[in-house]
Protein backbone atom coordinates (compact mmCIF):
# COMPACT_ATOMS: atom_id res chain seq x y z
CA MET A 1 356.94 -28.42 51.47
CA LEU A 2 358.74 -30.46 54.13
CA ALA A 3 357.73 -34.10 54.61
CA GLY A 4 359.12 -36.98 56.68
CA ARG A 5 359.68 -39.71 54.10
CA LEU A 6 360.49 -43.39 54.65
CA THR A 7 361.90 -45.69 51.96
CA TYR A 8 360.84 -49.22 52.92
CA ALA A 9 363.49 -51.15 51.00
CA THR A 10 366.36 -49.47 52.84
CA CYS A 11 364.54 -48.39 56.04
CA SER A 12 365.93 -44.91 55.41
CA PHE A 13 364.06 -41.93 56.86
CA ALA A 14 364.63 -38.25 56.15
CA VAL A 15 362.75 -34.97 56.19
CA GLN A 16 362.77 -33.83 52.55
CA ASP A 17 361.47 -31.03 50.37
CA VAL A 18 358.69 -32.41 48.15
CA PRO A 19 355.90 -30.86 46.03
CA VAL A 20 352.63 -29.90 47.70
CA PRO A 21 350.09 -32.51 46.55
CA GLU A 22 346.94 -31.51 44.68
CA PRO A 23 343.57 -32.96 45.75
CA GLY A 24 341.85 -35.19 43.24
CA PRO A 25 338.16 -36.15 43.06
CA ASN A 26 336.63 -36.63 46.52
CA GLN A 27 339.89 -35.52 48.15
CA VAL A 28 340.70 -32.62 50.45
CA LEU A 29 344.06 -30.94 51.01
CA ILE A 30 344.79 -30.46 54.70
CA LYS A 31 347.16 -27.89 56.16
CA VAL A 32 348.72 -29.99 58.91
CA GLU A 33 348.88 -28.31 62.32
CA ALA A 34 349.92 -31.30 64.43
CA ALA A 35 350.95 -34.93 63.92
CA GLY A 36 351.65 -37.58 66.55
CA VAL A 37 354.78 -39.73 66.80
CA CYS A 38 353.75 -43.31 67.52
CA LEU A 39 355.65 -46.48 68.37
CA SER A 40 354.29 -47.88 65.11
CA ASP A 41 356.21 -45.18 63.25
CA LEU A 42 359.38 -46.31 65.01
CA HIS A 43 358.68 -49.92 64.02
CA LEU A 44 358.15 -48.89 60.40
CA ILE A 45 361.51 -47.13 60.39
CA ASP A 46 363.33 -50.07 61.99
CA GLY A 47 361.67 -52.50 59.57
CA THR A 48 359.74 -54.61 62.05
CA LEU A 49 356.45 -53.36 60.60
CA LYS A 50 355.66 -53.54 56.88
CA PRO A 51 352.90 -51.99 54.75
CA ALA A 52 350.01 -54.12 53.55
CA THR A 53 350.61 -52.89 50.00
CA ASP A 54 353.66 -52.66 47.72
CA THR A 55 354.23 -48.99 48.62
CA ALA A 56 357.91 -48.14 48.10
CA THR A 57 358.18 -44.75 49.80
CA VAL A 58 355.71 -43.05 52.13
CA THR A 59 355.25 -39.92 54.20
CA LEU A 60 354.80 -41.19 57.75
CA GLY A 61 352.14 -40.05 60.23
CA HIS A 62 348.75 -41.58 60.97
CA GLU A 63 347.76 -39.20 63.81
CA VAL A 64 346.94 -35.92 62.10
CA ALA A 65 344.95 -32.73 62.71
CA GLY A 66 344.76 -29.46 60.82
CA THR A 67 342.55 -27.26 58.68
CA VAL A 68 340.96 -27.73 55.27
CA ALA A 69 343.16 -25.89 52.74
CA ALA A 70 341.70 -26.84 49.34
CA LEU A 71 338.96 -29.01 47.87
CA GLY A 72 339.20 -31.52 45.06
CA PRO A 73 336.61 -31.86 42.28
CA GLY A 74 333.20 -32.89 43.55
CA VAL A 75 333.81 -32.00 47.21
CA THR A 76 331.03 -29.78 48.56
CA ALA A 77 330.63 -30.97 52.16
CA TRP A 78 333.73 -29.16 53.47
CA GLN A 79 334.89 -25.57 53.42
CA PRO A 80 338.43 -24.12 53.62
CA GLY A 81 339.45 -23.23 57.16
CA ARG A 82 337.43 -26.01 58.82
CA ARG A 83 339.26 -27.56 61.78
CA VAL A 84 339.47 -31.35 61.44
CA LEU A 85 341.30 -34.48 62.45
CA LEU A 86 341.89 -37.35 60.06
CA GLN A 87 340.88 -40.95 60.55
CA ALA A 88 343.98 -43.13 60.74
CA GLY A 89 342.98 -45.18 57.72
CA GLU A 90 340.24 -46.39 55.43
CA LEU A 91 339.02 -49.42 53.53
CA GLY A 92 340.73 -50.07 50.24
CA VAL A 93 339.81 -52.25 47.29
CA GLY A 94 338.55 -55.67 48.37
CA GLY A 95 337.94 -54.59 51.94
CA MET A 96 341.65 -54.30 52.81
CA ILE A 97 342.36 -51.88 55.67
CA LEU A 98 344.81 -49.23 54.50
CA THR A 99 346.60 -47.17 57.12
CA ARG A 100 347.53 -43.52 56.64
CA GLY A 101 351.26 -43.00 56.86
CA VAL A 102 351.86 -46.71 56.25
CA ASP A 103 350.15 -47.74 53.01
CA TYR A 104 349.73 -44.19 51.66
CA ASP A 105 351.11 -40.76 52.51
CA GLY A 106 350.38 -39.48 56.00
CA GLY A 107 350.70 -36.30 57.98
CA TRP A 108 354.37 -35.80 58.84
CA ALA A 109 354.26 -32.96 56.33
CA GLU A 110 353.15 -29.38 55.92
CA PHE A 111 350.19 -30.54 53.81
CA ALA A 112 348.43 -33.89 53.47
CA LEU A 113 345.74 -35.36 51.23
CA ALA A 114 342.68 -37.04 52.72
CA THR A 115 339.61 -38.69 51.25
CA MET A 116 336.71 -36.47 52.25
CA HIS A 117 334.93 -39.15 54.29
CA THR A 118 337.97 -39.57 56.55
CA LEU A 119 337.67 -36.03 57.93
CA VAL A 120 336.17 -35.53 61.40
CA PRO A 121 335.24 -31.99 62.54
CA ILE A 122 336.67 -30.88 65.88
CA PRO A 123 335.48 -28.14 68.24
CA ASP A 124 337.24 -24.79 68.23
CA ASP A 125 338.43 -25.21 71.81
CA LEU A 126 340.16 -28.56 71.18
CA PRO A 127 343.87 -27.89 70.53
CA PHE A 128 345.26 -29.46 67.37
CA GLU A 129 347.99 -31.19 69.42
CA GLN A 130 345.35 -33.09 71.38
CA ALA A 131 343.03 -33.69 68.42
CA ALA A 132 345.84 -35.28 66.40
CA ILE A 133 346.36 -38.15 68.84
CA ILE A 134 342.71 -39.18 69.11
CA PRO A 135 343.02 -41.51 66.09
CA ASP A 136 345.14 -44.42 67.36
CA ALA A 137 346.65 -43.23 70.65
CA VAL A 138 343.20 -42.84 72.19
CA SER A 139 340.84 -44.57 69.75
CA THR A 140 342.78 -47.85 69.62
CA PRO A 141 342.54 -48.51 73.38
CA TRP A 142 338.96 -47.20 73.37
CA ALA A 143 338.00 -49.72 70.68
CA ALA A 144 339.91 -52.50 72.45
CA ILE A 145 338.08 -51.78 75.70
CA THR A 146 334.55 -51.15 74.44
CA ALA A 147 334.37 -53.40 71.37
CA THR A 148 336.93 -56.21 71.46
CA ALA A 149 336.97 -56.83 75.22
CA ALA A 150 333.50 -55.36 75.91
CA VAL A 151 334.55 -54.40 79.44
CA ARG A 152 331.65 -53.98 81.85
CA PRO A 153 331.44 -51.86 85.01
CA THR A 154 333.25 -53.29 88.08
CA GLU A 155 335.16 -55.87 86.04
CA PRO A 156 338.77 -56.21 87.26
CA VAL A 157 341.24 -55.44 84.49
CA GLY A 158 344.98 -55.32 83.91
CA VAL A 159 346.99 -53.12 81.55
CA TRP A 160 350.50 -54.20 80.54
CA GLY A 161 352.61 -51.37 79.08
CA ILE A 162 351.81 -47.81 80.18
CA GLY A 163 353.12 -46.00 77.12
CA GLY A 164 351.21 -43.91 74.61
CA LEU A 165 348.27 -46.33 74.31
CA GLY A 166 348.39 -47.97 77.72
CA ALA A 167 348.23 -44.67 79.60
CA HIS A 168 345.04 -43.80 77.75
CA ALA A 169 343.70 -47.29 78.37
CA VAL A 170 343.94 -46.71 82.12
CA GLN A 171 342.08 -43.43 81.79
CA LEU A 172 339.41 -44.94 79.52
CA LEU A 173 338.91 -48.03 81.67
CA ARG A 174 338.15 -45.73 84.57
CA LEU A 175 335.66 -43.90 82.35
CA VAL A 176 333.73 -47.13 81.62
CA GLY A 177 333.72 -48.17 85.28
CA ALA A 178 336.25 -51.02 85.37
CA ALA A 179 337.41 -51.81 88.90
CA PRO A 180 340.01 -52.44 90.05
CA ILE A 181 342.42 -51.28 87.35
CA LEU A 182 345.90 -52.81 87.65
CA ALA A 183 348.79 -51.37 85.64
CA VAL A 184 352.00 -53.27 84.92
CA ASP A 185 355.20 -51.67 83.61
CA PRO A 186 358.92 -52.10 84.36
CA LEU A 187 359.52 -48.33 84.48
CA HIS A 188 358.92 -46.60 87.80
CA ALA A 189 357.93 -43.38 86.02
CA ALA A 190 355.38 -45.26 83.92
CA ARG A 191 353.88 -46.86 87.03
CA GLU A 192 353.61 -43.44 88.65
CA ARG A 193 351.90 -42.14 85.54
CA ALA A 194 349.43 -45.04 85.64
CA LEU A 195 348.43 -44.07 89.16
CA ASP A 196 348.07 -40.44 88.10
CA PHE A 197 345.83 -41.53 85.21
CA GLY A 198 343.55 -43.54 87.48
CA ALA A 199 345.01 -47.00 88.11
CA ASP A 200 344.22 -48.54 91.50
CA LEU A 201 347.49 -50.46 91.70
CA ALA A 202 350.75 -50.29 89.73
CA LEU A 203 352.99 -53.36 89.59
CA ASP A 204 356.46 -54.21 88.36
CA PRO A 205 356.41 -57.22 85.97
CA VAL A 206 359.61 -58.62 87.48
CA ASP A 207 357.90 -58.96 90.88
CA PRO A 208 357.88 -62.75 91.52
CA ALA A 209 354.67 -62.32 93.52
CA LEU A 210 352.85 -60.42 90.77
CA ARG A 211 350.18 -63.07 90.16
CA GLN A 212 349.53 -63.35 93.89
CA ARG A 213 349.19 -59.57 94.13
CA VAL A 214 346.70 -59.62 91.26
CA LEU A 215 344.65 -62.29 93.03
CA GLU A 216 344.71 -60.33 96.28
CA ALA A 217 343.60 -57.14 94.52
CA THR A 218 340.73 -58.94 92.76
CA GLY A 219 339.43 -60.87 95.75
CA GLY A 220 340.88 -64.11 94.40
CA THR A 221 339.01 -64.05 91.08
CA GLY A 222 341.79 -62.94 88.75
CA LEU A 223 341.32 -60.52 85.88
CA ALA A 224 338.24 -60.37 83.70
CA ALA A 225 340.31 -58.71 80.97
CA ALA A 226 344.01 -58.13 80.42
CA PHE A 227 345.41 -55.83 77.74
CA ASP A 228 348.86 -56.19 76.21
CA PHE A 229 349.97 -52.80 74.89
CA ALA A 230 353.64 -53.77 74.91
CA GLY A 231 353.67 -56.37 72.14
CA VAL A 232 356.07 -58.58 74.10
CA ALA A 233 355.70 -62.36 74.30
CA ALA A 234 356.69 -62.54 77.98
CA VAL A 235 354.06 -59.91 78.80
CA ARG A 236 351.34 -61.97 77.15
CA GLU A 237 352.34 -65.12 78.96
CA GLN A 238 352.33 -63.31 82.29
CA ALA A 239 348.95 -61.72 81.55
CA VAL A 240 347.37 -65.09 80.70
CA ARG A 241 348.42 -66.42 84.10
CA CYS A 242 346.58 -63.54 85.77
CA LEU A 243 343.23 -64.19 84.07
CA GLY A 244 340.22 -65.53 85.93
CA ARG A 245 337.36 -67.70 84.70
CA ASN A 246 336.11 -66.48 81.31
CA GLY A 247 338.94 -63.95 81.29
CA ARG A 248 340.08 -62.55 77.96
CA LEU A 249 343.51 -61.41 76.90
CA VAL A 250 343.41 -58.64 74.28
CA LEU A 251 346.50 -58.33 72.08
CA VAL A 252 346.91 -54.68 71.11
CA GLY A 253 350.69 -54.30 70.96
CA LEU A 254 352.12 -55.74 67.76
CA THR A 255 354.80 -58.42 67.59
CA ASP A 256 355.82 -61.24 65.26
CA GLN A 257 356.73 -63.48 68.19
CA PRO A 258 354.60 -66.54 69.09
CA LEU A 259 352.37 -66.67 72.15
CA VAL A 260 352.81 -69.62 74.50
CA VAL A 261 350.05 -70.71 76.88
CA ASP A 262 351.78 -72.52 79.75
CA ASP A 263 348.86 -74.76 80.69
CA GLY A 264 346.38 -75.36 77.91
CA THR A 265 344.21 -77.56 80.13
CA VAL A 266 343.68 -74.80 82.70
CA PHE A 267 343.13 -72.27 79.91
CA SER A 268 340.36 -74.44 78.43
CA TYR A 269 338.88 -75.39 81.81
CA LEU A 270 338.53 -71.71 82.75
CA GLN A 271 337.13 -70.97 79.26
CA GLN A 272 339.56 -68.13 78.71
CA LYS A 273 340.01 -66.28 75.41
CA ILE A 274 342.78 -64.59 73.44
CA LEU A 275 341.53 -61.79 71.20
CA GLY A 276 343.47 -59.93 68.54
CA HIS A 277 342.91 -56.23 68.15
CA TYR A 278 343.95 -53.63 65.58
CA GLY A 279 343.11 -49.93 65.44
CA SER A 280 339.56 -48.60 65.56
CA VAL A 281 336.65 -47.75 63.29
CA PRO A 282 335.37 -44.23 62.52
CA GLU A 283 332.64 -44.30 65.16
CA HIS A 284 335.21 -44.75 67.93
CA VAL A 285 336.99 -41.55 66.95
CA GLU A 286 333.67 -39.70 66.72
CA GLN A 287 332.65 -40.99 70.16
CA LEU A 288 335.89 -39.71 71.69
CA VAL A 289 335.52 -36.26 70.12
CA ALA A 290 332.02 -36.11 71.63
CA LEU A 291 333.26 -37.25 75.06
CA ILE A 292 335.91 -34.54 75.02
CA ARG A 293 333.42 -31.92 73.83
CA PHE A 294 331.06 -32.72 76.71
CA GLY A 295 333.84 -32.69 79.28
CA ARG A 296 333.85 -36.43 80.01
CA LEU A 297 337.46 -36.96 78.88
CA ASP A 298 340.57 -34.81 79.26
CA ILE A 299 343.66 -35.76 77.26
CA SER A 300 345.60 -32.53 77.83
CA ARG A 301 348.23 -34.37 79.92
CA SER A 302 348.99 -36.68 77.01
CA VAL A 303 350.95 -34.14 74.95
CA SER A 304 354.45 -34.60 76.35
CA ASP A 305 356.21 -32.19 74.00
CA VAL A 306 355.86 -30.43 70.66
CA VAL A 307 358.78 -30.80 68.21
CA PRO A 308 359.35 -29.05 64.86
CA LEU A 309 358.70 -31.28 61.83
CA ALA A 310 362.26 -30.68 60.70
CA ASP A 311 363.43 -32.50 63.84
CA ALA A 312 361.25 -35.59 63.27
CA ALA A 313 364.24 -37.96 63.36
CA GLU A 314 365.21 -36.62 66.79
CA ALA A 315 361.64 -37.16 68.01
CA VAL A 316 361.75 -40.78 66.80
CA ASP A 317 365.05 -41.32 68.61
CA ARG A 318 363.63 -39.78 71.77
CA LEU A 319 360.66 -42.14 71.64
CA HIS A 320 363.01 -45.08 71.10
CA ARG A 321 365.08 -44.08 74.15
CA LYS A 322 361.91 -43.19 76.11
CA GLY A 323 363.62 -39.91 76.87
CA GLY A 324 361.43 -38.05 79.34
CA ASN A 325 358.99 -41.00 79.39
CA PRO A 326 356.63 -39.43 76.84
CA VAL A 327 352.97 -40.32 76.34
CA ARG A 328 352.92 -38.62 72.93
CA LEU A 329 355.39 -36.41 71.12
CA ILE A 330 353.81 -34.07 68.58
CA LEU A 331 355.35 -32.80 65.35
CA ARG A 332 354.42 -29.28 64.29
CA PRO A 333 355.13 -28.22 60.67
């Protein structure tokens, strides 16, 4: 079968012909129908992200949907042909979080292995292309909003970076009743997309009056919560300056750069918080599938294009260049 393989030591990526894996005890073989291309995949290829384990070579892809193809020994809860998506990771030995397509083989392949408890059934009318991106592209901002930041109705919020995760954050913040929702991105097309997805105001981060515009939009209070989906130090520093009393900055985008708080006295006086965030837990994915099933959430606009698995390297390059300003590119085996 074809699989998109990354060798960590050399940061070399290629779509290769490899054997179809066989499911072991408590494992299920999945026929992959769709797999998302995420900025994290790009950062794995360029070496800025590393696995938590000593994995040498891995099949990329943590956003995966498909059908059950074969069952390993002891698996009775699933049947071949069942439509499923895969959780983006699971707990390993000692409570370590292991990520699919990072610490073990993922779904940029024609077939993928999954531990049976990481499968989530999806409705027949949910396209695989949309189901695949629920883990991470949708579940990560959902978890950041509902769990880490615990956003409440009518709280003013800001979203920095309207890419694959930030665009969904705008949509999800509207779903939970945040108001107003301010989106910040240097790209005009991304700001337009934020407005289309439900933002009340879209701002350019280079605007010298940005903080003043935030205060005007929030009635002088500043933001109750600000989300950094860009993983850029300057973004975080700007977002902190836009927080109000008890405001919290949630760090979702990943970076190895330090965060500088310009005025620690003001930060402490206003009792502000900086909260780290990573991924989601299984219940967040299950909640989103239910919201989609009951018509509360529509992510059909999020699939920007579908690309053959054989052209995975081109899809990665397109994401790097932001060609066409994609929300999510999907690989189809």
